């Protein structure tokens, strides 16, 4: 969860990278959420620096729902 203070309206709406403010190409890497559940995006270069690195033999769980 990120604090929206200090982010521009474009960043809060997902139209600009949260780190470098780049608008084109539109950022596509999801890196977090705001308190109102809006999704924050980063460009691939910034996302690499913002997201934690995976351990070598650990794989993320699928995001599918087991029971609906």
Foldseek 3Di string as FASTA:
>chain_A
DDECPPADPCQLQQQAARPPRDRPPRFDAFDDAYPVRRTGGHHPVVVVVRDDDDDDPDDDDDPDDPPD
